């Protein structure tokens, strides 16, 4: 049981490290997207802000950066779910360990009245 606890704790730690990496990658993708969008907006020609924003969004490079950002966001969310899942597994193993300990104690001393 101790080995399972250690393995589960290591899995949580790895998942948290992965989540941190994915969060950083998402933030970098978001920054690239926002910078490129701002430049495209500044270079866009239009009668009003809405027209300029639309033209900036239609820029092919912006669409690719938005897609890359969205993919990174999905990876970040998947990593977050992995952390949550591994924490739940660790919690379940901790509960089972407590039950085994209580059962061993009961077997050793019997019921306490």
N, C-alpha and C. Protein backbone atom coordinates (compact mmCIF):
# COMPACT_ATOMS: atom_id res chain seq x y z
N UNK A 1 0.83 -1.19 0.00
CA UNK A 1 0.00 0.00 0.00
C UNK A 1 0.88 1.26 0.00
N UNK A 2 1.98 1.21 0.73
CA UNK A 2 2.88 2.36 0.77
C UNK A 2 3.44 2.68 -0.61
N UNK A 3 3.75 1.63 -1.38
CA UNK A 3 4.27 1.84 -2.74
C UNK A 3 3.23 2.55 -3.59
N UNK A 4 1.97 2.15 -3.45
CA UNK A 4 0.89 2.80 -4.21
C UNK A 4 0.75 4.27 -3.83
N UNK A 5 0.88 4.56 -2.53
CA UNK A 5 0.82 5.95 -2.08
C UNK A 5 1.94 6.77 -2.69
N UNK A 6 3.14 6.22 -2.65
CA UNK A 6 4.29 6.93 -3.23
C UNK A 6 4.13 7.12 -4.74
N UNK A 7 3.67 6.09 -5.42
CA UNK A 7 3.45 6.20 -6.87
C UNK A 7 2.39 7.26 -7.18
N UNK A 8 1.32 7.25 -6.40
CA UNK A 8 0.25 8.23 -6.63
C UNK A 8 0.74 9.65 -6.35
N UNK A 9 1.53 9.80 -5.29
CA UNK A 9 2.08 11.13 -4.97
C UNK A 9 3.02 11.60 -6.08
N UNK A 10 3.82 10.70 -6.61
CA UNK A 10 4.71 11.06 -7.72
C UNK A 10 3.91 11.43 -8.96
N UNK A 11 2.82 10.73 -9.21
CA UNK A 11 1.97 11.04 -10.37
C UNK A 11 1.35 12.43 -10.22
N UNK A 12 0.94 12.78 -9.00
CA UNK A 12 0.38 14.12 -8.77
C UNK A 12 1.46 15.17 -9.01
N UNK A 13 2.65 14.92 -8.50
CA UNK A 13 3.74 15.88 -8.68
C UNK A 13 4.08 16.07 -10.16
N UNK A 14 4.14 14.97 -10.91
CA UNK A 14 4.43 15.06 -12.35
C UNK A 14 3.31 15.81 -13.07
N UNK A 15 2.07 15.51 -12.72
CA UNK A 15 0.94 16.19 -13.36
C UNK A 15 0.96 17.69 -13.07
N UNK A 16 1.36 18.05 -11.86
CA UNK A 16 1.45 19.48 -11.53
C UNK A 16 2.56 20.16 -12.32
N UNK A 17 3.68 19.45 -12.50
CA UNK A 17 4.77 19.99 -13.32
C UNK A 17 4.32 20.17 -14.76
N UNK A 18 3.60 19.17 -15.28
CA UNK A 18 3.06 19.27 -16.64
C UNK A 18 2.08 20.44 -16.75
N UNK A 19 1.24 20.62 -15.74
CA UNK A 19 0.28 21.72 -15.75
C UNK A 19 1.01 23.06 -15.78
N UNK A 20 2.07 23.17 -15.01
CA UNK A 20 2.85 24.42 -15.01
C UNK A 20 3.43 24.69 -16.40
N UNK A 21 3.98 23.67 -17.04
CA UNK A 21 4.52 23.83 -18.39
C UNK A 21 3.45 24.24 -19.38
N UNK A 22 2.29 23.61 -19.30
CA UNK A 22 1.20 23.92 -20.21
C UNK A 22 0.66 25.32 -19.97
N UNK A 23 0.63 25.74 -18.73
CA UNK A 23 0.15 27.09 -18.40
C UNK A 23 1.10 28.14 -18.97
N UNK A 24 2.39 27.89 -18.85
CA UNK A 24 3.38 28.82 -19.41
C UNK A 24 3.27 28.85 -20.93
N UNK A 25 3.14 27.69 -21.55
CA UNK A 25 3.01 27.63 -23.01
C UNK A 25 1.75 28.37 -23.47
N UNK A 26 0.66 28.22 -22.72
CA UNK A 26 -0.57 28.93 -23.06
C UNK A 26 -0.36 30.44 -22.95
N UNK A 27 0.26 30.87 -21.88
CA UNK A 27 0.50 32.30 -21.68
C UNK A 27 1.37 32.87 -22.81
N UNK A 28 2.37 32.12 -23.23
CA UNK A 28 3.22 32.58 -24.33
C UNK A 28 2.44 32.65 -25.64
N UNK A 29 1.60 31.66 -25.89
CA UNK A 29 0.78 31.66 -27.10
C UNK A 29 -0.21 32.82 -27.07
N UNK A 30 -0.79 33.08 -25.91
CA UNK A 30 -1.72 34.20 -25.77
C UNK A 30 -1.00 35.53 -26.02
N UNK A 31 0.20 35.67 -25.49
CA UNK A 31 0.97 36.91 -25.69
C UNK A 31 1.29 37.12 -27.17
N UNK A 32 1.74 36.06 -27.85
CA UNK A 32 2.04 36.19 -29.29
C UNK A 32 0.80 36.59 -30.07
N UNK A 33 -0.33 35.95 -29.74
CA UNK A 33 -1.58 36.25 -30.42
C UNK A 33 -1.99 37.71 -30.20
N UNK A 34 -1.94 38.16 -28.97
CA UNK A 34 -2.36 39.54 -28.66
C UNK A 34 -1.44 40.57 -29.32
N UNK A 35 -0.14 40.30 -29.31
CA UNK A 35 0.80 41.23 -29.94
C UNK A 35 0.54 41.31 -31.44
N UNK A 36 0.39 40.16 -32.07
CA UNK A 36 0.15 40.15 -33.51
C UNK A 36 -1.19 40.79 -33.85
N UNK A 37 -2.19 40.55 -33.03
CA UNK A 37 -3.51 41.14 -33.26
C UNK A 37 -3.45 42.66 -33.14
N UNK A 38 -2.71 43.14 -32.15
CA UNK A 38 -2.57 44.59 -31.96
C UNK A 38 -1.87 45.22 -33.16
N UNK A 39 -0.82 44.57 -33.65
CA UNK A 39 -0.12 45.10 -34.83
C UNK A 39 -1.01 45.06 -36.06
N UNK A 40 -1.75 43.97 -36.22
CA UNK A 40 -2.66 43.87 -37.36
C UNK A 40 -3.74 44.94 -37.28
N UNK A 41 -4.22 45.23 -36.09
CA UNK A 41 -5.23 46.27 -35.91
C UNK A 41 -4.65 47.64 -36.28
N UNK A 42 -3.43 47.89 -35.85
CA UNK A 42 -2.80 49.18 -36.16
C UNK A 42 -2.58 49.34 -37.67
N UNK A 43 -2.31 48.25 -38.36
CA UNK A 43 -2.05 48.31 -39.80
C UNK A 43 -3.32 48.20 -40.64
N UNK A 44 -4.41 47.81 -40.03
CA UNK A 44 -5.66 47.65 -40.77
C UNK A 44 -6.25 49.01 -41.13
N UNK A 45 -6.85 49.04 -42.31
CA UNK A 45 -7.51 50.27 -42.77
C UNK A 45 -9.00 50.03 -42.73
N UNK A 46 -9.71 50.95 -42.12
CA UNK A 46 -11.16 50.81 -42.05
C UNK A 46 -11.79 52.13 -41.62
N UNK A 47 -13.10 52.21 -41.80
CA UNK A 47 -13.83 53.43 -41.47
C UNK A 47 -14.00 53.62 -39.97
N UNK A 48 -14.07 52.51 -39.25
CA UNK A 48 -14.28 52.59 -37.80
C UNK A 48 -13.54 51.44 -37.11
N UNK A 49 -13.62 51.43 -35.78
CA UNK A 49 -12.91 50.42 -34.99
C UNK A 49 -13.39 49.02 -35.32
N UNK A 50 -14.69 48.84 -35.45
CA UNK A 50 -15.24 47.52 -35.72
C UNK A 50 -14.72 46.97 -37.03
N UNK A 51 -14.68 47.81 -38.06
CA UNK A 51 -14.19 47.38 -39.37
C UNK A 51 -12.70 47.03 -39.29
N UNK A 52 -11.93 47.83 -38.57
CA UNK A 52 -10.50 47.56 -38.43
C UNK A 52 -10.26 46.27 -37.64
N UNK A 53 -11.06 46.04 -36.59
CA UNK A 53 -10.93 44.80 -35.82
C UNK A 53 -11.25 43.59 -36.68
N UNK A 54 -12.30 43.71 -37.49
CA UNK A 54 -12.67 42.61 -38.38
C UNK A 54 -11.57 42.29 -39.36
N UNK A 55 -10.98 43.32 -39.95
CA UNK A 55 -9.89 43.10 -40.91
C UNK A 55 -8.67 42.51 -40.22
N UNK A 56 -8.40 42.96 -39.01
CA UNK A 56 -7.26 42.42 -38.26
C UNK A 56 -7.48 40.93 -37.95
N UNK A 57 -8.70 40.57 -37.58
CA UNK A 57 -9.02 39.17 -37.26
C UNK A 57 -8.93 38.27 -38.50
N UNK A 58 -9.18 38.83 -39.67
CA UNK A 58 -9.14 38.04 -40.90
C UNK A 58 -7.72 37.79 -41.39
N UNK A 59 -6.77 38.49 -40.84
CA UNK A 59 -5.37 38.30 -41.20
C UNK A 59 -5.01 36.83 -40.96
N UNK A 60 -4.44 36.16 -41.96
CA UNK A 60 -4.12 34.73 -41.85
C UNK A 60 -3.20 34.40 -40.70
N UNK A 61 -2.21 35.23 -40.47
CA UNK A 61 -1.29 34.98 -39.37
C UNK A 61 -1.97 35.05 -38.02
N UNK A 62 -2.93 35.94 -37.91
CA UNK A 62 -3.67 36.09 -36.66
C UNK A 62 -4.51 34.84 -36.41
N UNK A 63 -5.14 34.34 -37.44
CA UNK A 63 -5.96 33.13 -37.30
C UNK A 63 -5.11 31.95 -36.85
N UNK A 64 -3.92 31.82 -37.41
CA UNK A 64 -3.02 30.72 -37.02
C UNK A 64 -2.59 30.87 -35.56
N UNK A 65 -2.29 32.09 -35.15
CA UNK A 65 -1.89 32.32 -33.76
C UNK A 65 -3.06 32.09 -32.80
N UNK A 66 -4.26 32.47 -33.22
CA UNK A 66 -5.43 32.22 -32.39
C UNK A 66 -5.66 30.72 -32.24
N UNK A 67 -5.49 29.98 -33.33
CA UNK A 67 -5.63 28.53 -33.28
C UNK A 67 -4.58 27.92 -32.34
N UNK A 68 -3.33 28.36 -32.47
CA UNK A 68 -2.26 27.85 -31.60
C UNK A 68 -2.58 28.16 -30.14
N UNK A 69 -3.09 29.34 -29.88
CA UNK A 69 -3.48 29.72 -28.52
C UNK A 69 -4.58 28.81 -28.00
N UNK A 70 -5.58 28.55 -28.84
CA UNK A 70 -6.70 27.71 -28.44
C UNK A 70 -6.26 26.27 -28.17
N UNK A 71 -5.34 25.77 -28.98
CA UNK A 71 -4.80 24.42 -28.76
C UNK A 71 -4.07 24.38 -27.42
N UNK A 72 -3.26 25.39 -27.14
CA UNK A 72 -2.53 25.44 -25.87
C UNK A 72 -3.49 25.53 -24.69
N UNK A 73 -4.58 26.26 -24.87
CA UNK A 73 -5.56 26.36 -23.80
C UNK A 73 -6.17 24.98 -23.52
N UNK A 74 -6.45 24.23 -24.58
CA UNK A 74 -6.98 22.88 -24.42
C UNK A 74 -5.99 21.97 -23.71
N UNK A 75 -4.72 22.09 -24.05
CA UNK A 75 -3.70 21.28 -23.38
C UNK A 75 -3.58 21.66 -21.91
N UNK A 76 -3.70 22.94 -21.63
CA UNK A 76 -3.64 23.40 -20.24
C UNK A 76 -4.81 22.84 -19.45
N UNK A 77 -6.00 22.87 -20.03
CA UNK A 77 -7.18 22.34 -19.34
C UNK A 77 -7.08 20.83 -19.15
N UNK A 78 -6.52 20.13 -20.13
CA UNK A 78 -6.32 18.69 -20.01
C UNK A 78 -5.33 18.38 -18.89
N UNK A 79 -4.28 19.18 -18.80
CA UNK A 79 -3.30 18.99 -17.73
C UNK A 79 -3.93 19.25 -16.36
N UNK A 80 -4.80 20.25 -16.28
CA UNK A 80 -5.50 20.54 -15.03
C UNK A 80 -6.38 19.36 -14.62
N UNK A 81 -7.08 18.79 -15.58
CA UNK A 81 -7.92 17.62 -15.28
C UNK A 81 -7.07 16.43 -14.85
N UNK A 82 -5.88 16.29 -15.43
CA UNK A 82 -4.98 15.20 -15.02
C UNK A 82 -4.56 15.38 -13.56
N UNK A 83 -4.27 16.61 -13.17
CA UNK A 83 -3.92 16.88 -11.77
C UNK A 83 -5.09 16.51 -10.87
N UNK A 84 -6.27 16.95 -11.22
CA UNK A 84 -7.45 16.65 -10.40
C UNK A 84 -7.69 15.14 -10.29
N UNK A 85 -7.55 14.44 -11.40
CA UNK A 85 -7.76 13.00 -11.42
C UNK A 85 -6.74 12.30 -10.53
N UNK A 86 -5.49 12.69 -10.65
CA UNK A 86 -4.45 12.05 -9.85
C UNK A 86 -4.60 12.37 -8.36
N UNK A 87 -5.07 13.56 -8.06
CA UNK A 87 -5.33 13.90 -6.65
C UNK A 87 -6.45 13.02 -6.10
N UNK A 88 -7.47 12.77 -6.91
CA UNK A 88 -8.58 11.92 -6.47
C UNK A 88 -8.09 10.50 -6.23
N UNK A 89 -7.22 10.02 -7.10
CA UNK A 89 -6.66 8.67 -6.93
C UNK A 89 -5.84 8.61 -5.64
N UNK A 90 -5.01 9.62 -5.42
CA UNK A 90 -4.21 9.67 -4.20
C UNK A 90 -5.12 9.68 -2.97
N UNK A 91 -6.17 10.45 -3.02
CA UNK A 91 -7.10 10.52 -1.90
C UNK A 91 -7.75 9.15 -1.65
N UNK A 92 -8.13 8.46 -2.71
CA UNK A 92 -8.74 7.14 -2.56
C UNK A 92 -7.75 6.15 -1.94
N UNK A 93 -6.51 6.20 -2.37
CA UNK A 93 -5.51 5.30 -1.80
C UNK A 93 -5.27 5.63 -0.33
N UNK A 94 -5.26 6.92 0.00
CA UNK A 94 -5.12 7.31 1.40
C UNK A 94 -6.28 6.79 2.23
N UNK A 95 -7.48 6.85 1.70
CA UNK A 95 -8.65 6.33 2.40
C UNK A 95 -8.53 4.83 2.61
N UNK A 96 -8.12 4.12 1.57
CA UNK A 96 -7.95 2.67 1.69
C UNK A 96 -6.87 2.33 2.71
N UNK A 97 -5.81 3.10 2.71
CA UNK A 97 -4.73 2.87 3.68
C UNK A 97 -5.25 3.05 5.10
N UNK A 98 -6.06 4.08 5.30
CA UNK A 98 -6.67 4.30 6.61
C UNK A 98 -7.57 3.16 7.02
N UNK A 99 -8.33 2.62 6.07
CA UNK A 99 -9.21 1.50 6.37
C UNK A 99 -8.43 0.25 6.73
N UNK A 100 -7.36 -0.02 6.01
CA UNK A 100 -6.50 -1.18 6.29
C UNK A 100 -5.90 -1.04 7.69
N UNK A 101 -5.45 0.17 8.00
CA UNK A 101 -4.87 0.43 9.32
C UNK A 101 -5.92 0.20 10.42
N UNK A 102 -7.12 0.71 10.21
CA UNK A 102 -8.19 0.55 11.20
C UNK A 102 -8.56 -0.93 11.35
N UNK A 103 -8.58 -1.66 10.26
CA UNK A 103 -8.91 -3.09 10.31
C UNK A 103 -7.82 -3.85 11.07
N UNK A 104 -6.57 -3.50 10.82
CA UNK A 104 -5.47 -4.16 11.52
C UNK A 104 -5.54 -3.86 13.02
N UNK A 105 -5.87 -2.65 13.35
CA UNK A 105 -6.01 -2.26 14.76
C UNK A 105 -7.16 -3.02 15.40
N UNK A 106 -8.27 -3.15 14.70
CA UNK A 106 -9.41 -3.88 15.21
C UNK A 106 -9.06 -5.35 15.45
N UNK A 107 -8.33 -5.93 14.50
CA UNK A 107 -7.92 -7.32 14.61
C UNK A 107 -6.98 -7.50 15.81
N UNK A 108 -6.13 -6.54 16.05
CA UNK A 108 -5.15 -6.61 17.13
C UNK A 108 -5.80 -6.49 18.50
N UNK A 109 -6.70 -5.52 18.68
CA UNK A 109 -7.25 -5.23 20.01
C UNK A 109 -8.72 -5.55 20.16
N UNK A 110 -9.40 -5.82 19.07
CA UNK A 110 -10.83 -6.12 19.14
C UNK A 110 -11.64 -4.85 19.25
N UNK A 111 -12.96 -5.00 19.37
CA UNK A 111 -13.82 -3.82 19.45
C UNK A 111 -13.63 -3.11 20.79
N UNK A 112 -13.67 -1.81 20.73
CA UNK A 112 -13.57 -1.00 21.95
C UNK A 112 -14.98 -0.57 22.36
N UNK A 113 -15.34 -0.92 23.56
CA UNK A 113 -16.68 -0.58 24.02
C UNK A 113 -16.69 0.71 24.81
